[in-house]
Amino acid sequence: MAPGAADGIFCLNCTSSQGYNCSTTHQQCTSAVNSCITIARNEDTGHLGIQNPTYEKKCNTDDRLCNQVYGLVAGDFSLRWNSSCCRLDRCNDEDIKVQKASPVLNGVRCSSCFAQGTDVCLNTTQVNCTGQLDQCIHFVTIAKEEKYKDQQVTFKGCATKNMCSIGAPALFTTGRQVYVKTIMCSGAPEVPSQHRLALSALAGLFFLVYQS
């Protein structure tokens, strides 16, 4: 038994692109983990219309990811992400589905681009946002060391509100050797909102903390 696992709950553990067909495998989590998570996501770079989402079941290490629906369109990248958490042994056997992207325009128009391995986002275009993706997001991470530069990500685009507040930092920094440099969001990109200014100030604080 792994060190620190003695008091942890058991969670189903699998990754599949063909649905929930791997739920017989389980693992005992470390004592620091108090929930199991089930995830369904569609992540697409460069090609639209993915038919088979990726499903995951595992021990959950970040409660910010629990019971969320995240959405993002940035450049040629799109993400739809659903999750469900529970706190009993082997409880993460539920079937969840990726929420379909809405085609209905919501009146928000954002600058749009996506890049990995860099903190600079070039080839910016304009995109009309749809459905619950009613925030313009600008998100940038910086590698903690030069050797981790390939883990950096930067994007601008349309996002759900919770992507701005917790989703982007949780999904694009957890488990990576990067930290948040910039996160700004606004429902009206031409007018800086108080929410956007607050997030910008918070990102500056994160930068100073990690630099010190």
N, C-alpha and C. Protein backbone atom coordinates (compact mmCIF):
# COMPACT_ATOMS: atom_id res chain seq x y z
N MET A 1 0.85 -1.20 0.00
CA MET A 1 0.00 0.00 0.00
C MET A 1 0.88 1.23 0.00
N ALA A 2 0.55 2.25 -0.81
CA ALA A 2 1.36 3.45 -0.91
C ALA A 2 1.31 4.24 0.38
N PRO A 3 2.42 4.93 0.74
CA PRO A 3 2.44 5.75 1.93
C PRO A 3 1.35 6.80 1.89
N GLY A 4 0.70 7.01 3.00
CA GLY A 4 -0.33 8.03 3.08
C GLY A 4 -1.68 7.59 2.57
N ALA A 5 -1.81 6.36 2.11
CA ALA A 5 -3.09 5.93 1.53
C ALA A 5 -4.00 5.25 2.53
N ALA A 6 -3.50 4.96 3.73
CA ALA A 6 -4.21 4.11 4.67
C ALA A 6 -5.62 4.61 4.99
N ASP A 7 -5.79 5.94 5.11
CA ASP A 7 -7.08 6.47 5.53
C ASP A 7 -7.90 7.02 4.37
N GLY A 8 -7.44 6.86 3.16
CA GLY A 8 -8.12 7.44 2.02
C GLY A 8 -9.31 6.62 1.56
N ILE A 9 -10.26 7.27 0.89
CA ILE A 9 -11.40 6.56 0.32
C ILE A 9 -10.98 5.86 -0.97
N PHE A 10 -11.79 4.91 -1.41
CA PHE A 10 -11.57 4.24 -2.68
C PHE A 10 -12.38 4.93 -3.78
N CYS A 11 -11.77 5.12 -4.94
CA CYS A 11 -12.46 5.72 -6.08
C CYS A 11 -12.24 4.85 -7.32
N LEU A 12 -13.26 4.79 -8.16
CA LEU A 12 -13.07 4.18 -9.47
C LEU A 12 -12.05 4.99 -10.23
N ASN A 13 -11.19 4.30 -11.01
CA ASN A 13 -10.07 4.96 -11.66
C ASN A 13 -9.94 4.48 -13.10
N CYS A 14 -10.24 5.36 -14.06
CA CYS A 14 -10.12 4.98 -15.46
C CYS A 14 -10.13 6.22 -16.35
N THR A 15 -9.63 6.04 -17.55
CA THR A 15 -9.72 7.05 -18.60
C THR A 15 -10.16 6.34 -19.87
N SER A 16 -11.14 6.89 -20.56
CA SER A 16 -11.67 6.21 -21.73
C SER A 16 -12.19 7.22 -22.75
N SER A 17 -12.11 6.90 -24.01
CA SER A 17 -12.74 7.71 -25.05
C SER A 17 -13.98 7.01 -25.60
N GLN A 18 -14.35 5.91 -25.00
CA GLN A 18 -15.47 5.11 -25.49
C GLN A 18 -16.60 4.98 -24.47
N GLY A 19 -16.67 5.91 -23.53
CA GLY A 19 -17.72 5.85 -22.53
C GLY A 19 -17.24 5.19 -21.24
N TYR A 20 -18.16 4.93 -20.34
CA TYR A 20 -17.81 4.41 -19.02
C TYR A 20 -17.71 2.88 -19.04
N ASN A 21 -16.67 2.40 -19.66
CA ASN A 21 -16.50 0.94 -19.76
C ASN A 21 -15.31 0.46 -18.95
N CYS A 22 -14.83 1.27 -18.01
CA CYS A 22 -13.64 0.88 -17.26
C CYS A 22 -13.85 1.04 -15.76
N SER A 23 -15.09 0.98 -15.32
CA SER A 23 -15.40 1.32 -13.94
C SER A 23 -15.11 0.20 -12.95
N THR A 24 -14.59 -0.94 -13.40
CA THR A 24 -14.27 -2.00 -12.45
C THR A 24 -12.91 -1.78 -11.78
N THR A 25 -12.10 -0.90 -12.36
CA THR A 25 -10.80 -0.59 -11.77
C THR A 25 -10.97 0.48 -10.70
N HIS A 26 -10.30 0.30 -9.56
CA HIS A 26 -10.39 1.30 -8.50
C HIS A 26 -9.04 1.45 -7.81
N GLN A 27 -8.91 2.53 -7.08
CA GLN A 27 -7.69 2.79 -6.33
C GLN A 27 -8.04 3.41 -4.98
N GLN A 28 -7.13 3.25 -4.02
CA GLN A 28 -7.33 3.93 -2.75
C GLN A 28 -6.59 5.25 -2.80
N CYS A 29 -7.30 6.31 -2.47
CA CYS A 29 -6.72 7.64 -2.53
C CYS A 29 -5.84 7.90 -1.31
N THR A 30 -5.03 8.94 -1.39
CA THR A 30 -4.24 9.35 -0.23
C THR A 30 -5.18 9.93 0.82
N SER A 31 -4.71 10.04 2.02
CA SER A 31 -5.55 10.53 3.12
C SER A 31 -5.97 11.98 2.93
N ALA A 32 -5.27 12.73 2.06
CA ALA A 32 -5.61 14.13 1.83
C ALA A 32 -6.80 14.28 0.90
N VAL A 33 -7.20 13.21 0.22
CA VAL A 33 -8.30 13.25 -0.74
C VAL A 33 -9.60 12.84 -0.06
N ASN A 34 -10.65 13.66 -0.22
CA ASN A 34 -11.93 13.33 0.42
C ASN A 34 -13.06 13.17 -0.57
N SER A 35 -12.75 13.11 -1.87
CA SER A 35 -13.82 12.94 -2.85
C SER A 35 -13.33 12.22 -4.10
N CYS A 36 -14.28 11.60 -4.79
CA CYS A 36 -14.04 10.98 -6.09
C CYS A 36 -14.67 11.88 -7.15
N ILE A 37 -14.09 11.93 -8.33
CA ILE A 37 -14.59 12.80 -9.37
C ILE A 37 -14.82 12.01 -10.66
N THR A 38 -15.88 12.37 -11.36
CA THR A 38 -16.16 11.86 -12.70
C THR A 38 -16.14 13.04 -13.65
N ILE A 39 -15.42 12.91 -14.76
CA ILE A 39 -15.25 14.02 -15.70
C ILE A 39 -15.61 13.56 -17.11
N ALA A 40 -16.32 14.40 -17.82
CA ALA A 40 -16.55 14.21 -19.25
C ALA A 40 -16.13 15.49 -19.96
N ARG A 41 -15.32 15.37 -21.00
CA ARG A 41 -14.86 16.59 -21.67
C ARG A 41 -14.65 16.36 -23.17
N ASN A 42 -14.85 17.41 -23.91
CA ASN A 42 -14.46 17.50 -25.31
C ASN A 42 -13.41 18.59 -25.40
N GLU A 43 -12.26 18.27 -25.92
CA GLU A 43 -11.18 19.24 -26.08
C GLU A 43 -10.69 19.13 -27.52
N ASP A 44 -10.76 20.23 -28.25
CA ASP A 44 -10.50 20.19 -29.67
C ASP A 44 -9.55 21.30 -30.08
N THR A 45 -8.47 20.97 -30.75
CA THR A 45 -7.54 21.96 -31.28
C THR A 45 -7.42 21.75 -32.78
N GLY A 46 -7.95 22.70 -33.53
CA GLY A 46 -7.76 22.68 -34.96
C GLY A 46 -8.81 21.96 -35.76
N HIS A 47 -9.65 21.14 -35.15
CA HIS A 47 -10.69 20.41 -35.87
C HIS A 47 -11.98 20.46 -35.07
N LEU A 48 -13.05 20.72 -35.72
CA LEU A 48 -14.35 20.84 -35.04
C LEU A 48 -15.11 19.53 -35.09
N GLY A 49 -16.09 19.41 -34.20
CA GLY A 49 -17.01 18.28 -34.28
C GLY A 49 -16.48 16.98 -33.74
N ILE A 50 -15.75 16.99 -32.62
CA ILE A 50 -15.30 15.75 -32.02
C ILE A 50 -16.53 14.94 -31.57
N GLN A 51 -16.57 13.68 -31.93
CA GLN A 51 -17.72 12.85 -31.61
C GLN A 51 -17.55 12.09 -30.29
N ASN A 52 -16.31 11.76 -29.95
CA ASN A 52 -16.06 10.95 -28.76
C ASN A 52 -15.35 11.77 -27.68
N PRO A 53 -16.06 12.17 -26.63
CA PRO A 53 -15.40 12.88 -25.54
C PRO A 53 -14.52 11.93 -24.73
N THR A 54 -13.71 12.50 -23.89
CA THR A 54 -12.88 11.72 -22.98
C THR A 54 -13.56 11.68 -21.62
N TYR A 55 -13.61 10.48 -21.04
CA TYR A 55 -14.19 10.29 -19.71
C TYR A 55 -13.09 9.92 -18.72
N GLU A 56 -13.19 10.46 -17.53
CA GLU A 56 -12.23 10.14 -16.47
C GLU A 56 -12.97 9.88 -15.17
N LYS A 57 -12.46 8.94 -14.41
CA LYS A 57 -12.88 8.71 -13.03
C LYS A 57 -11.62 8.57 -12.21
N LYS A 58 -11.54 9.26 -11.09
CA LYS A 58 -10.31 9.23 -10.32
C LYS A 58 -10.50 9.86 -8.95
N CYS A 59 -9.46 9.79 -8.12
CA CYS A 59 -9.43 10.52 -6.86
C CYS A 59 -9.33 12.01 -7.18
N ASN A 60 -10.08 12.81 -6.46
CA ASN A 60 -10.10 14.24 -6.74
C ASN A 60 -9.15 14.99 -5.81
N THR A 61 -8.27 15.81 -6.39
CA THR A 61 -7.31 16.56 -5.60
C THR A 61 -7.58 18.05 -5.58
N ASP A 62 -8.65 18.50 -6.24
CA ASP A 62 -8.93 19.94 -6.32
C ASP A 62 -10.44 20.15 -6.32
N ASP A 63 -10.99 20.57 -5.20
CA ASP A 63 -12.44 20.73 -5.09
C ASP A 63 -12.98 21.85 -5.98
N ARG A 64 -12.11 22.71 -6.53
CA ARG A 64 -12.58 23.72 -7.48
C ARG A 64 -13.16 23.08 -8.74
N LEU A 65 -12.78 21.82 -8.98
CA LEU A 65 -13.23 21.13 -10.18
C LEU A 65 -14.54 20.37 -9.97
N CYS A 66 -15.07 20.39 -8.77
CA CYS A 66 -16.26 19.59 -8.46
C CYS A 66 -17.54 20.22 -9.00
N ASN A 67 -18.37 19.38 -9.62
CA ASN A 67 -19.73 19.76 -10.02
C ASN A 67 -19.76 21.06 -10.82
N GLN A 68 -18.95 21.08 -11.87
CA GLN A 68 -18.82 22.26 -12.71
C GLN A 68 -19.13 21.94 -14.17
N VAL A 69 -19.52 22.97 -14.90
CA VAL A 69 -19.63 22.91 -16.36
C VAL A 69 -18.83 24.09 -16.90
N TYR A 70 -17.71 23.80 -17.56
CA TYR A 70 -16.85 24.84 -18.11
C TYR A 70 -16.95 24.84 -19.63
N GLY A 71 -16.84 26.02 -20.22
CA GLY A 71 -16.81 26.13 -21.66
C GLY A 71 -15.85 27.21 -22.11
N LEU A 72 -15.17 26.98 -23.24
CA LEU A 72 -14.19 27.93 -23.76
C LEU A 72 -14.06 27.76 -25.26
N VAL A 73 -13.98 28.88 -25.99
CA VAL A 73 -13.61 28.89 -27.40
C VAL A 73 -12.55 29.96 -27.57
N ALA A 74 -11.34 29.55 -28.00
CA ALA A 74 -10.23 30.49 -28.14
C ALA A 74 -9.39 30.08 -29.34
N GLY A 75 -9.35 30.92 -30.36
CA GLY A 75 -8.61 30.55 -31.56
C GLY A 75 -9.16 29.27 -32.15
N ASP A 76 -8.26 28.31 -32.44
CA ASP A 76 -8.71 27.03 -32.98
C ASP A 76 -8.91 25.98 -31.88
N PHE A 77 -9.00 26.46 -30.62
CA PHE A 77 -9.17 25.56 -29.48
C PHE A 77 -10.56 25.73 -28.89
N SER A 78 -11.20 24.61 -28.58
CA SER A 78 -12.47 24.66 -27.86
C SER A 78 -12.48 23.61 -26.77
N LEU A 79 -13.17 23.91 -25.69
CA LEU A 79 -13.24 23.01 -24.54
C LEU A 79 -14.64 23.03 -23.97
N ARG A 80 -15.20 21.84 -23.76
CA ARG A 80 -16.43 21.67 -23.00
C ARG A 80 -16.14 20.62 -21.94
N TRP A 81 -16.44 20.90 -20.69
CA TRP A 81 -15.94 20.11 -19.56
C TRP A 81 -17.02 20.04 -18.48
N ASN A 82 -17.45 18.83 -18.13
CA ASN A 82 -18.44 18.61 -17.07
C ASN A 82 -17.85 17.73 -15.99
N SER A 83 -18.28 17.93 -14.76
CA SER A 83 -17.77 17.07 -13.68
C SER A 83 -18.83 16.83 -12.62
N SER A 84 -18.60 15.75 -11.86
CA SER A 84 -19.45 15.43 -10.72
C SER A 84 -18.58 14.79 -9.64
N CYS A 85 -18.76 15.21 -8.39
CA CYS A 85 -17.97 14.68 -7.27
C CYS A 85 -18.87 14.01 -6.24
N CYS A 86 -18.29 13.07 -5.51
CA CYS A 86 -19.00 12.39 -4.43
C CYS A 86 -17.98 11.97 -3.37
N ARG A 87 -18.45 11.59 -2.19
CA ARG A 87 -17.53 11.41 -1.06
C ARG A 87 -17.68 10.07 -0.34
N LEU A 88 -18.05 9.02 -1.09
CA LEU A 88 -18.14 7.68 -0.53
C LEU A 88 -17.28 6.73 -1.35
N ASP A 89 -16.91 5.61 -0.77
CA ASP A 89 -16.10 4.63 -1.49
C ASP A 89 -16.77 4.21 -2.80
N ARG A 90 -15.99 4.28 -3.89
CA ARG A 90 -16.40 3.81 -5.23
C ARG A 90 -17.73 4.44 -5.69
N CYS A 91 -17.96 5.67 -5.29
CA CYS A 91 -19.25 6.30 -5.60
C CYS A 91 -19.27 6.96 -6.99
N ASN A 92 -18.11 7.10 -7.61
CA ASN A 92 -18.05 7.84 -8.88
C ASN A 92 -18.34 6.92 -10.08
N ASP A 93 -19.52 6.30 -10.04
CA ASP A 93 -19.93 5.40 -11.12
C ASP A 93 -21.03 6.00 -11.98
N GLU A 94 -21.34 7.29 -11.75
CA GLU A 94 -22.42 7.92 -12.49
C GLU A 94 -22.03 8.18 -13.94
N ASP A 95 -23.04 8.31 -14.77
CA ASP A 95 -22.86 8.59 -16.19
C ASP A 95 -23.17 10.06 -16.42
N ILE A 96 -22.19 10.83 -16.81
CA ILE A 96 -22.42 12.24 -17.13
C ILE A 96 -22.04 12.48 -18.59
N LYS A 97 -22.57 13.53 -19.16
CA LYS A 97 -22.34 13.82 -20.57
C LYS A 97 -21.79 15.22 -20.74
N VAL A 98 -21.01 15.40 -21.79
CA VAL A 98 -20.51 16.73 -22.12
C VAL A 98 -21.68 17.59 -22.58
N GLN A 99 -21.81 18.76 -21.99
CA GLN A 99 -22.87 19.66 -22.39
C GLN A 99 -22.62 20.16 -23.81
N LYS A 100 -23.61 20.09 -24.65
CA LYS A 100 -23.46 20.51 -26.04
C LYS A 100 -23.28 22.02 -26.15
N ALA A 101 -22.45 22.44 -27.11
CA ALA A 101 -22.24 23.86 -27.34
C ALA A 101 -23.50 24.46 -27.96
N SER A 102 -23.92 25.61 -27.44
CA SER A 102 -25.09 26.29 -27.98
C SER A 102 -24.70 27.12 -29.20
N PRO A 103 -25.52 27.09 -30.26
CA PRO A 103 -25.23 27.91 -31.44
C PRO A 103 -25.84 29.31 -31.35
N VAL A 104 -26.56 29.62 -30.26
CA VAL A 104 -27.30 30.87 -30.15
C VAL A 104 -26.36 32.01 -29.75
N LEU A 105 -26.28 33.04 -30.58
CA LEU A 105 -25.44 34.20 -30.28
C LEU A 105 -25.96 34.93 -29.05
N ASN A 106 -25.05 35.37 -28.18
CA ASN A 106 -25.45 36.07 -26.96
C ASN A 106 -25.10 37.56 -26.98
N GLY A 107 -24.58 38.07 -28.08
CA GLY A 107 -24.28 39.49 -28.21
C GLY A 107 -22.88 39.90 -27.80
N VAL A 108 -22.12 38.97 -27.23
CA VAL A 108 -20.74 39.28 -26.82
C VAL A 108 -19.78 38.90 -27.95
N ARG A 109 -18.83 39.77 -28.24
CA ARG A 109 -17.83 39.53 -29.28
C ARG A 109 -16.45 39.73 -28.66
N CYS A 110 -15.57 38.77 -28.86
CA CYS A 110 -14.26 38.77 -28.18
C CYS A 110 -13.11 38.60 -29.16
N SER A 111 -11.96 39.13 -28.77
CA SER A 111 -10.71 38.76 -29.45
C SER A 111 -10.45 37.29 -29.16
N SER A 112 -9.83 36.59 -30.12
CA SER A 112 -9.69 35.14 -29.99
C SER A 112 -8.36 34.65 -30.53
N CYS A 113 -7.64 33.87 -29.71
CA CYS A 113 -6.41 33.20 -30.14
C CYS A 113 -6.03 32.17 -29.08
N PHE A 114 -5.18 31.23 -29.45
CA PHE A 114 -4.74 30.18 -28.52
C PHE A 114 -3.32 29.75 -28.88
N ALA A 115 -2.49 29.55 -27.87
CA ALA A 115 -1.11 29.10 -28.12
C ALA A 115 -0.61 28.31 -26.92
N GLN A 116 0.16 27.27 -27.19
CA GLN A 116 0.81 26.47 -26.15
C GLN A 116 2.32 26.63 -26.25
N GLY A 117 3.00 26.55 -25.10
CA GLY A 117 4.44 26.66 -25.08
C GLY A 117 4.95 28.08 -25.16
N THR A 118 4.07 29.05 -24.97
CA THR A 118 4.46 30.45 -25.05
C THR A 118 3.52 31.29 -24.19
N ASP A 119 3.97 32.49 -23.82
CA ASP A 119 3.11 33.42 -23.09
C ASP A 119 2.65 34.55 -24.01
N VAL A 120 2.82 34.37 -25.32
CA VAL A 120 2.39 35.36 -26.31
C VAL A 120 1.37 34.71 -27.23
N CYS A 121 0.25 35.39 -27.43
CA CYS A 121 -0.83 34.86 -28.26
C CYS A 121 -0.95 35.72 -29.51
N LEU A 122 -0.53 35.19 -30.66
CA LEU A 122 -0.54 35.92 -31.92
C LEU A 122 -1.73 35.49 -32.78
N ASN A 123 -1.82 36.05 -33.98
CA ASN A 123 -2.88 35.70 -34.94
C ASN A 123 -4.26 35.85 -34.33
N THR A 124 -4.49 36.97 -33.65
CA THR A 124 -5.77 37.22 -33.00
C THR A 124 -6.85 37.54 -34.02
N THR A 125 -8.01 36.90 -33.84
CA THR A 125 -9.18 37.18 -34.67
C THR A 125 -10.31 37.65 -33.76
N GLN A 126 -11.48 37.85 -34.33
CA GLN A 126 -12.67 38.21 -33.56
C GLN A 126 -13.68 37.07 -33.67
N VAL A 127 -14.36 36.79 -32.58
CA VAL A 127 -15.32 35.69 -32.57
C VAL A 127 -16.60 36.15 -31.87
N ASN A 128 -17.75 35.70 -32.38
CA ASN A 128 -19.04 35.96 -31.74
C ASN A 128 -19.32 34.84 -30.75
N CYS A 129 -19.59 35.20 -29.51
CA CYS A 129 -19.81 34.20 -28.45
C CYS A 129 -21.25 33.67 -28.50
N THR A 130 -21.42 32.48 -27.98
CA THR A 130 -22.73 31.83 -28.01
C THR A 130 -23.09 31.26 -26.63
N GLY A 131 -24.37 31.06 -26.42
CA GLY A 131 -24.85 30.37 -25.22
C GLY A 131 -24.35 30.99 -23.93
N GLN A 132 -23.86 30.13 -23.03
CA GLN A 132 -23.38 30.58 -21.72
C GLN A 132 -21.94 31.10 -21.76
N LEU A 133 -21.32 31.06 -22.92
CA LEU A 133 -19.97 31.61 -23.06
C LEU A 133 -20.10 33.13 -23.25
N ASP A 134 -20.39 33.83 -22.15
CA ASP A 134 -20.72 35.25 -22.22
C ASP A 134 -19.64 36.14 -21.63
N GLN A 135 -18.45 35.60 -21.45
CA GLN A 135 -17.31 36.37 -20.94
C GLN A 135 -16.17 36.37 -21.96
N CYS A 136 -15.52 37.52 -22.13
CA CYS A 136 -14.28 37.57 -22.89
C CYS A 136 -13.14 37.32 -21.90
N ILE A 137 -12.34 36.30 -22.17
CA ILE A 137 -11.28 35.92 -21.25
C ILE A 137 -9.91 36.13 -21.89
N HIS A 138 -8.95 36.57 -21.10
CA HIS A 138 -7.54 36.64 -21.51
C HIS A 138 -6.75 35.96 -20.40
N PHE A 139 -6.13 34.85 -20.73
CA PHE A 139 -5.46 34.01 -19.72
C PHE A 139 -4.05 33.66 -20.18
N VAL A 140 -3.07 33.86 -19.30
CA VAL A 140 -1.67 33.59 -19.63
C VAL A 140 -0.99 32.92 -18.44
N THR A 141 -0.22 31.87 -18.71
CA THR A 141 0.61 31.28 -17.66
C THR A 141 2.08 31.44 -18.01
N ILE A 142 2.92 31.40 -16.98
CA ILE A 142 4.37 31.51 -17.12
C ILE A 142 5.02 30.30 -16.46
N ALA A 143 6.06 29.76 -17.11
CA ALA A 143 6.78 28.60 -16.55
C ALA A 143 7.58 29.03 -15.33
N LYS A 144 7.60 28.17 -14.33
CA LYS A 144 8.38 28.45 -13.12
C LYS A 144 9.88 28.38 -13.41
N GLU A 145 10.26 27.54 -14.37
CA GLU A 145 11.64 27.43 -14.81
C GLU A 145 11.68 27.29 -16.32
N GLU A 146 12.79 27.66 -16.93
CA GLU A 146 12.92 27.64 -18.38
C GLU A 146 12.61 26.26 -18.98
N LYS A 147 12.99 25.22 -18.27
CA LYS A 147 12.79 23.87 -18.81
C LYS A 147 11.32 23.47 -18.88
N TYR A 148 10.43 24.24 -18.27
CA TYR A 148 9.01 23.92 -18.30
C TYR A 148 8.23 24.83 -19.26
N LYS A 149 8.90 25.53 -20.15
CA LYS A 149 8.22 26.48 -21.03
C LYS A 149 7.18 25.81 -21.92
N ASP A 150 7.39 24.54 -22.25
CA ASP A 150 6.42 23.86 -23.11
C ASP A 150 5.07 23.66 -22.43
N GLN A 151 5.01 23.84 -21.10
CA GLN A 151 3.75 23.69 -20.37
C GLN A 151 2.94 24.98 -20.31
N GLN A 152 3.50 26.07 -20.82
CA GLN A 152 2.80 27.34 -20.80
C GLN A 152 1.60 27.31 -21.75
N VAL A 153 0.63 28.15 -21.45
CA VAL A 153 -0.54 28.28 -22.32
C VAL A 153 -1.01 29.73 -22.25
N THR A 154 -1.49 30.23 -23.38
CA THR A 154 -2.09 31.56 -23.40
C THR A 154 -3.28 31.55 -24.36
N PHE A 155 -4.34 32.22 -23.97
CA PHE A 155 -5.50 32.28 -24.87
C PHE A 155 -6.37 33.50 -24.59
N LYS A 156 -7.08 33.89 -25.63
CA LYS A 156 -8.15 34.88 -25.56
C LYS A 156 -9.37 34.27 -26.24
N GLY A 157 -10.54 34.56 -25.70
CA GLY A 157 -11.72 34.02 -26.36
C GLY A 157 -12.97 34.16 -25.53
N CYS A 158 -13.98 33.36 -25.87
CA CYS A 158 -15.26 33.34 -25.16
C CYS A 158 -15.25 32.24 -24.10
N ALA A 159 -15.77 32.54 -22.92
CA ALA A 159 -15.74 31.56 -21.84
C ALA A 159 -16.96 31.69 -20.95
N THR A 160 -17.27 30.61 -20.24
CA THR A 160 -18.29 30.67 -19.20
C THR A 160 -17.74 31.48 -18.02
N LYS A 161 -18.62 32.05 -17.24
CA LYS A 161 -18.19 32.91 -16.13
C LYS A 161 -17.32 32.16 -15.13
N ASN A 162 -17.67 30.88 -14.86
CA ASN A 162 -16.87 30.13 -13.88
C ASN A 162 -15.50 29.76 -14.43
N MET A 163 -15.33 29.78 -15.75
CA MET A 163 -14.00 29.58 -16.33
C MET A 163 -13.09 30.72 -15.91
N CYS A 164 -13.66 31.91 -15.82
CA CYS A 164 -12.89 33.08 -15.41
C CYS A 164 -12.50 33.02 -13.93
N SER A 165 -13.44 32.63 -13.09
CA SER A 165 -13.20 32.70 -11.66
C SER A 165 -12.38 31.54 -11.11
N ILE A 166 -12.64 30.32 -11.60
CA ILE A 166 -11.91 29.17 -11.06
C ILE A 166 -11.44 28.19 -12.11
N GLY A 167 -12.13 28.14 -13.25
CA GLY A 167 -11.88 27.08 -14.21
C GLY A 167 -10.52 27.14 -14.88
N ALA A 168 -10.16 28.29 -15.43
CA ALA A 168 -8.90 28.39 -16.15
C ALA A 168 -7.70 28.12 -15.24
N PRO A 169 -7.62 28.75 -14.04
CA PRO A 169 -6.49 28.42 -13.16
C PRO A 169 -6.44 26.95 -12.76
N ALA A 170 -7.61 26.35 -12.52
CA ALA A 170 -7.63 24.95 -12.10
C ALA A 170 -7.26 24.00 -13.23
N LEU A 171 -7.80 24.25 -14.43
CA LEU A 171 -7.60 23.33 -15.55
C LEU A 171 -6.24 23.48 -16.21
N PHE A 172 -5.68 24.69 -16.21
CA PHE A 172 -4.47 24.93 -16.97
C PHE A 172 -3.22 25.15 -16.13
N THR A 173 -3.33 25.01 -14.80
CA THR A 173 -2.12 25.08 -13.96
C THR A 173 -1.96 23.87 -13.05
N THR A 174 -3.04 23.23 -12.66
CA THR A 174 -2.95 22.09 -11.74
C THR A 174 -2.10 20.98 -12.36
N GLY A 175 -1.09 20.55 -11.62
CA GLY A 175 -0.22 19.48 -12.08
C GLY A 175 0.86 19.92 -13.04
N ARG A 176 0.92 21.22 -13.35
CA ARG A 176 1.94 21.73 -14.25
C ARG A 176 2.91 22.64 -13.50
N GLN A 177 4.07 22.85 -14.09
CA GLN A 177 5.08 23.71 -13.48
C GLN A 177 4.94 25.13 -14.02
N VAL A 178 3.73 25.68 -13.89
CA VAL A 178 3.45 27.03 -14.35
C VAL A 178 2.61 27.75 -13.31
N TYR A 179 2.57 29.08 -13.41
CA TYR A 179 1.68 29.85 -12.56
C TYR A 179 0.98 30.90 -13.40
N VAL A 180 -0.09 31.46 -12.86
CA VAL A 180 -0.91 32.43 -13.59
C VAL A 180 -0.20 33.78 -13.64
N LYS A 181 -0.02 34.29 -14.85
CA LYS A 181 0.51 35.64 -15.04
C LYS A 181 -0.62 36.64 -15.22
N THR A 182 -1.60 36.29 -16.06
CA THR A 182 -2.70 37.20 -16.38
C THR A 182 -4.01 36.43 -16.47
N ILE A 183 -5.03 36.97 -15.83
CA ILE A 183 -6.39 36.49 -16.10
C ILE A 183 -7.32 37.70 -16.01
N MET A 184 -7.92 38.04 -17.14
CA MET A 184 -8.85 39.16 -17.21
C MET A 184 -10.11 38.68 -17.89
N CYS A 185 -11.26 39.13 -17.39
CA CYS A 185 -12.53 38.75 -17.98
C CYS A 185 -13.48 39.93 -18.01
N SER A 186 -14.31 39.97 -19.03
CA SER A 186 -15.33 41.00 -19.14
C SER A 186 -16.43 40.52 -20.06
N GLY A 187 -17.68 40.86 -19.73
CA GLY A 187 -18.79 40.55 -20.61
C GLY A 187 -18.93 41.55 -21.74
N ALA A 188 -18.28 42.70 -21.60
CA ALA A 188 -18.28 43.73 -22.64
C ALA A 188 -16.84 44.18 -22.85
N PRO A 189 -16.14 43.58 -23.82
CA PRO A 189 -14.70 43.78 -23.94
C PRO A 189 -14.26 45.20 -24.17
N GLU A 190 -15.14 46.05 -24.71
CA GLU A 190 -14.72 47.42 -24.97
C GLU A 190 -14.78 48.29 -23.73
N VAL A 191 -15.44 47.80 -22.66
CA VAL A 191 -15.56 48.56 -21.42
C VAL A 191 -15.01 47.75 -20.27
N PRO A 192 -13.83 48.08 -19.70
CA PRO A 192 -13.27 47.32 -18.59
C PRO A 192 -14.22 47.33 -17.41
N SER A 193 -14.65 46.14 -16.96
CA SER A 193 -15.57 46.04 -15.83
C SER A 193 -14.81 45.96 -14.52
N GLN A 194 -15.52 46.15 -13.42
CA GLN A 194 -14.89 46.03 -12.11
C GLN A 194 -14.37 44.62 -11.89
N HIS A 195 -15.11 43.61 -12.43
CA HIS A 195 -14.68 42.22 -12.30
C HIS A 195 -13.35 42.02 -13.01
N ARG A 196 -13.24 42.60 -14.21
CA ARG A 196 -12.02 42.47 -15.00
C ARG A 196 -10.85 43.13 -14.28
N LEU A 197 -11.06 44.35 -13.76
CA LEU A 197 -9.99 45.06 -13.08
C LEU A 197 -9.55 44.33 -11.81
N ALA A 198 -10.52 43.76 -11.10
CA ALA A 198 -10.18 43.01 -9.89
C ALA A 198 -9.34 41.79 -10.20
N LEU A 199 -9.71 41.04 -11.25
CA LEU A 199 -8.94 39.87 -11.64
C LEU A 199 -7.55 40.25 -12.09
N SER A 200 -7.42 41.40 -12.79
CA SER A 200 -6.12 41.86 -13.25
C SER A 200 -5.22 42.17 -12.06
N ALA A 201 -5.78 42.84 -11.04
CA ALA A 201 -5.01 43.14 -9.85
C ALA A 201 -4.60 41.87 -9.12
N LEU A 202 -5.53 40.89 -9.06
CA LEU A 202 -5.22 39.63 -8.39
C LEU A 202 -4.11 38.88 -9.12
N ALA A 203 -4.15 38.90 -10.46
CA ALA A 203 -3.10 38.25 -11.24
C ALA A 203 -1.75 38.90 -10.97
N GLY A 204 -1.74 40.25 -10.83
CA GLY A 204 -0.50 40.94 -10.51
C GLY A 204 0.04 40.52 -9.15
N LEU A 205 -0.88 40.31 -8.19
CA LEU A 205 -0.48 39.85 -6.87
C LEU A 205 0.13 38.47 -6.93
N PHE A 206 -0.50 37.52 -7.71
CA PHE A 206 0.05 36.18 -7.90
C PHE A 206 1.46 36.26 -8.47
N PHE A 207 1.65 37.17 -9.44
CA PHE A 207 2.97 37.29 -10.10
C PHE A 207 4.03 37.72 -9.08
N LEU A 208 3.68 38.70 -8.24
CA LEU A 208 4.64 39.18 -7.25
C LEU A 208 4.96 38.10 -6.22
N VAL A 209 3.93 37.35 -5.82
CA VAL A 209 4.15 36.28 -4.82
C VAL A 209 5.10 35.24 -5.36
N TYR A 210 4.91 34.79 -6.60
CA TYR A 210 5.74 33.75 -7.17
C TYR A 210 7.14 34.25 -7.53
N GLN A 211 7.25 35.56 -7.79
CA GLN A 211 8.56 36.11 -8.10
C GLN A 211 9.39 36.31 -6.84
N SER A 212 8.73 36.46 -5.68
CA SER A 212 9.46 36.73 -4.43
C SER A 212 10.07 35.45 -3.88
